[in-house]
PDB file of N, CA and C in Angstrom:
ATOM      1  N   MET A   1      27.116   3.887-233.130  1.00  0.00           N
ATOM      2  CA  MET A   1      26.132   4.738-232.642  1.00  0.00           C
ATOM      3  C   MET A   1      24.795   4.625-233.364  1.00  0.00           C
ATOM      4  N   LYS A   2      23.709   4.745-232.668  1.00  0.00           N
ATOM      5  CA  LYS A   2      22.404   4.601-233.340  1.00  0.00           C
ATOM      6  C   LYS A   2      21.779   5.993-233.543  1.00  0.00           C
ATOM      7  N   ILE A   3      21.287   6.250-234.750  1.00  0.00           N
ATOM      8  CA  ILE A   3      20.568   7.565-235.005  1.00  0.00           C
ATOM      9  C   ILE A   3      19.251   7.604-234.372  1.00  0.00           C
ATOM     10  N   LEU A   4      19.086   8.640-233.566  1.00  0.00           N
ATOM     11  CA  LEU A   4      17.725   8.786-232.811  1.00  0.00           C
ATOM     12  C   LEU A   4      16.919   9.937-233.292  1.00  0.00           C
ATOM     13  N   ALA A   5      17.552  11.072-233.613  1.00  0.00           N
ATOM     14  CA  ALA A   5      16.835  12.238-234.161  1.00  0.00           C
ATOM     15  C   ALA A   5      15.668  12.651-233.227  1.00  0.00           C
ATOM     16  N   THR A   6      15.841  12.627-231.828  1.00  0.00           N
ATOM     17  CA  THR A   6      14.853  13.042-230.895  1.00  0.00           C
ATOM     18  C   THR A   6      15.039  14.442-230.469  1.00  0.00           C
ATOM     19  N   PRO A   7      13.927  15.294-230.558  1.00  0.00           N
ATOM     20  CA  PRO A   7      13.965  16.605-230.174  1.00  0.00           C
ATOM     21  C   PRO A   7      14.363  16.770-228.715  1.00  0.00           C
ATOM     22  N   ILE A   8      15.228  17.735-228.379  1.00  0.00           N
ATOM     23  CA  ILE A   8      15.663  17.963-226.976  1.00  0.00           C
ATOM     24  C   ILE A   8      15.718  19.431-226.732  1.00  0.00           C
ATOM     25  N   SER A   9      15.755  19.853-225.495  1.00  0.00           N
ATOM     26  CA  SER A   9      16.100  21.110-224.937  1.00  0.00           C
ATOM     27  C   SER A   9      17.554  21.277-224.631  1.00  0.00           C
ATOM     28  N   VAL A  10      18.241  22.355-225.178  1.00  0.00           N
ATOM     29  CA  VAL A  10      19.586  22.424-224.988  1.00  0.00           C
ATOM     30  C   VAL A  10      20.101  23.823-224.492  1.00  0.00           C
ATOM     31  N   LEU A  11      21.051  23.899-223.612  1.00  0.00           N
ATOM     32  CA  LEU A  11      21.714  25.109-223.244  1.00  0.00           C
ATOM     33  C   LEU A  11      23.192  24.794-223.642  1.00  0.00           C
ATOM     34  N   ALA A  12      23.671  25.497-224.764  1.00  0.00           N
ATOM     35  CA  ALA A  12      24.916  25.199-225.292  1.00  0.00           C
ATOM     36  C   ALA A  12      25.847  26.383-225.190  1.00  0.00           C
ATOM     37  N   TRP A  13      27.146  26.071-224.978  1.00  0.00           N
ATOM     38  CA  TRP A  13      28.145  27.091-224.952  1.00  0.00           C
ATOM     39  C   TRP A  13      29.472  26.502-225.461  1.00  0.00           C
ATOM     40  N   PHE A  14      30.120  27.131-226.328  1.00  0.00           N
ATOM     41  CA  PHE A  14      31.433  26.717-226.841  1.00  0.00           C
ATOM     42  C   PHE A  14      32.233  27.803-227.471  1.00  0.00           C
ATOM     43  N   GLU A  15      33.505  27.604-227.513  1.00  0.00           N
ATOM     44  CA  GLU A  15      34.415  28.663-228.067  1.00  0.00           C
ATOM     45  C   GLU A  15      34.174  28.865-229.546  1.00  0.00           C
ATOM     46  N   LEU A  16      34.401  30.120-230.045  1.00  0.00           N
ATOM     47  CA  LEU A  16      34.168  30.399-231.421  1.00  0.00           C
ATOM     48  C   LEU A  16      35.102  29.620-232.309  1.00  0.00           C
ATOM     49  N   ASP A  17      36.332  29.305-231.897  1.00  0.00           N
ATOM     50  CA  ASP A  17      37.251  28.541-232.708  1.00  0.00           C
ATOM     51  C   ASP A  17      37.242  27.143-232.469  1.00  0.00           C
ATOM     52  N   SER A  18      36.291  26.532-231.812  1.00  0.00           N
ATOM     53  CA  SER A  18      36.272  25.158-231.564  1.00  0.00           C
ATOM     54  C   SER A  18      35.090  24.507-232.338  1.00  0.00           C
ATOM     55  N   THR A  19      35.194  23.149-232.496  1.00  0.00           N
ATOM     56  CA  THR A  19      34.109  22.373-233.227  1.00  0.00           C
ATOM     57  C   THR A  19      33.189  21.814-232.226  1.00  0.00           C
ATOM     58  N   PRO A  20      31.890  22.256-232.229  1.00  0.00           N
ATOM     59  CA  PRO A  20      30.861  21.683-231.275  1.00  0.00           C
ATOM     60  C   PRO A  20      30.298  20.430-231.765  1.00  0.00           C
ATOM     61  N   PHE A  21      29.554  19.742-230.910  1.00  0.00           N
ATOM     62  CA  PHE A  21      28.593  18.656-231.069  1.00  0.00           C
ATOM     63  C   PHE A  21      29.120  17.269-230.931  1.00  0.00           C
ATOM     64  N   ARG A  22      30.349  17.035-230.589  1.00  0.00           N
ATOM     65  CA  ARG A  22      30.797  15.698-230.065  1.00  0.00           C
ATOM     66  C   ARG A  22      30.817  15.743-228.656  1.00  0.00           C
ATOM     67  N   CYS A  23      29.870  15.069-227.982  1.00  0.00           N
ATOM     68  CA  CYS A  23      29.737  15.157-226.565  1.00  0.00           C
ATOM     69  C   CYS A  23      29.894  13.899-225.859  1.00  0.00           C
ATOM     70  N   GLN A  24      30.089  13.885-224.556  1.00  0.00           N
ATOM     71  CA  GLN A  24      30.032  12.642-223.755  1.00  0.00           C
ATOM     72  C   GLN A  24      29.416  12.909-222.398  1.00  0.00           C
ATOM     73  N   SER A  25      28.799  11.959-221.809  1.00  0.00           N
ATOM     74  CA  SER A  25      28.154  12.170-220.540  1.00  0.00           C
ATOM     75  C   SER A  25      28.225  10.824-219.777  1.00  0.00           C
ATOM     76  N   GLU A  26      28.158  10.972-218.460  1.00  0.00           N
ATOM     77  CA  GLU A  26      28.156   9.816-217.645  1.00  0.00           C
ATOM     78  C   GLU A  26      26.679   9.413-217.410  1.00  0.00           C
ATOM     79  N   ILE A  27      26.325   8.194-217.925  1.00  0.00           N
ATOM     80  CA  ILE A  27      25.021   7.651-217.793  1.00  0.00           C
ATOM     81  C   ILE A  27      25.089   6.330-217.083  1.00  0.00           C
ATOM     82  N   LYS A  28      24.467   6.277-215.949  1.00  0.00           N
ATOM     83  CA  LYS A  28      24.426   5.025-215.086  1.00  0.00           C
ATOM     84  C   LYS A  28      25.861   4.584-214.731  1.00  0.00           C
ATOM     85  N   GLY A  29      26.738   5.563-214.498  1.00  0.00           N
ATOM     86  CA  GLY A  29      28.134   5.256-214.157  1.00  0.00           C
ATOM     87  C   GLY A  29      29.097   4.914-215.292  1.00  0.00           C
ATOM     88  N   GLU A  30      28.541   5.013-216.537  1.00  0.00           N
ATOM     89  CA  GLU A  30      29.377   4.744-217.698  1.00  0.00           C
ATOM     90  C   GLU A  30      29.429   5.912-218.619  1.00  0.00           C
ATOM     91  N   LEU A  31      30.709   6.273-219.056  1.00  0.00           N
ATOM     92  CA  LEU A  31      30.926   7.341-219.951  1.00  0.00           C
ATOM     93  C   LEU A  31      30.514   7.018-221.353  1.00  0.00           C
ATOM     94  N   ARG A  32      29.541   7.749-221.913  1.00  0.00           N
ATOM     95  CA  ARG A  32      28.986   7.456-223.287  1.00  0.00           C
ATOM     96  C   ARG A  32      28.996   8.707-224.078  1.00  0.00           C
ATOM     97  N   PRO A  33      29.470   8.446-225.366  1.00  0.00           N
ATOM     98  CA  PRO A  33      29.476   9.516-226.391  1.00  0.00           C
ATOM     99  C   PRO A  33      28.155   9.645-227.053  1.00  0.00           C
ATOM    100  N   PHE A  34      27.949  10.930-227.465  1.00  0.00           N
ATOM    101  CA  PHE A  34      26.643  11.157-228.218  1.00  0.00           C
ATOM    102  C   PHE A  34      26.886  12.380-229.087  1.00  0.00           C
ATOM    103  N   GLU A  35      25.960  12.610-230.050  1.00  0.00           N
ATOM    104  CA  GLU A  35      26.053  13.806-230.889  1.00  0.00           C
ATOM    105  C   GLU A  35      24.778  14.465-230.953  1.00  0.00           C
ATOM    106  N   ILE A  36      24.786  15.818-230.836  1.00  0.00           N
ATOM    107  CA  ILE A  36      23.556  16.633-230.967  1.00  0.00           C
ATOM    108  C   ILE A  36      23.638  17.491-232.285  1.00  0.00           C
ATOM    109  N   LYS A  37      22.452  17.838-232.757  1.00  0.00           N
ATOM    110  CA  LYS A  37      22.382  18.564-234.048  1.00  0.00           C
ATOM    111  C   LYS A  37      21.417  19.687-233.892  1.00  0.00           C
ATOM    112  N   TYR A  38      21.840  20.885-234.490  1.00  0.00           N
ATOM    113  CA  TYR A  38      20.980  22.011-234.527  1.00  0.00           C
ATOM    114  C   TYR A  38      20.365  22.295-235.879  1.00  0.00           C
ATOM    115  N   GLU A  39      19.116  22.407-236.091  1.00  0.00           N
ATOM    116  CA  GLU A  39      18.490  22.658-237.389  1.00  0.00           C
ATOM    117  C   GLU A  39      18.218  24.153-237.448  1.00  0.00           C
ATOM    118  N   LEU A  40      18.834  24.825-238.365  1.00  0.00           N
ATOM    119  CA  LEU A  40      18.722  26.274-238.576  1.00  0.00           C
ATOM    120  C   LEU A  40      17.336  26.725-238.993  1.00  0.00           C
ATOM    121  N   GLY A  41      16.693  26.014-239.821  1.00  0.00           N
ATOM    122  CA  GLY A  41      15.431  26.293-240.344  1.00  0.00           C
ATOM    123  C   GLY A  41      14.321  26.247-239.298  1.00  0.00           C
ATOM    124  N   THR A  42      14.435  25.383-238.339  1.00  0.00           N
ATOM    125  CA  THR A  42      13.367  25.255-237.235  1.00  0.00           C
ATOM    126  C   THR A  42      13.872  25.786-235.942  1.00  0.00           C
ATOM    127  N   CYS A  43      15.138  26.075-235.824  1.00  0.00           N
ATOM    128  CA  CYS A  43      15.791  26.548-234.501  1.00  0.00           C
ATOM    129  C   CYS A  43      15.547  25.511-233.440  1.00  0.00           C
ATOM    130  N   LYS A  44      15.612  24.205-233.704  1.00  0.00           N
ATOM    131  CA  LYS A  44      15.464  23.090-232.846  1.00  0.00           C
ATOM    132  C   LYS A  44      16.761  22.288-232.731  1.00  0.00           C
ATOM    133  N   TRP A  45      16.990  21.690-231.508  1.00  0.00           N
ATOM    134  CA  TRP A  45      18.081  20.885-231.242  1.00  0.00           C
ATOM    135  C   TRP A  45      17.523  19.403-231.178  1.00  0.00           C
ATOM    136  N   PHE A  46      18.402  18.447-231.610  1.00  0.00           N
ATOM    137  CA  PHE A  46      18.075  17.029-231.570  1.00  0.00           C
ATOM    138  C   PHE A  46      19.201  16.175-231.042  1.00  0.00           C
ATOM    139  N   LEU A  47      18.845  15.181-230.218  1.00  0.00           N
ATOM    140  CA  LEU A  47      19.781  14.235-229.904  1.00  0.00           C
ATOM    141  C   LEU A  47      19.929  13.309-231.084  1.00  0.00           C
ATOM    142  N   TRP A  48      21.026  13.440-231.788  1.00  0.00           N
ATOM    143  CA  TRP A  48      21.168  12.873-233.134  1.00  0.00           C
ATOM    144  C   TRP A  48      21.642  11.365-233.093  1.00  0.00           C
ATOM    145  N   LYS A  49      22.743  11.204-232.455  1.00  0.00           N
ATOM    146  CA  LYS A  49      23.324   9.780-232.279  1.00  0.00           C
ATOM    147  C   LYS A  49      23.721   9.462-230.911  1.00  0.00           C
ATOM    148  N   MET A  50      23.499   8.235-230.569  1.00  0.00           N
ATOM    149  CA  MET A  50      23.905   7.834-229.166  1.00  0.00           C
ATOM    150  C   MET A  50      24.198   6.320-229.260  1.00  0.00           C
TER     151      MET A  50
END
């Protein structure tokens, strides 16, 4: 995975007892994993690794 650290807009929902931020999405017909990161100090989301 390549580190990108690109700011993104996010609508997130997850269970309280689960571990968030390991994601996958279908991009151009291929299932690809990625990681997002939330910065508490700035309240911003980043596409961290892809």
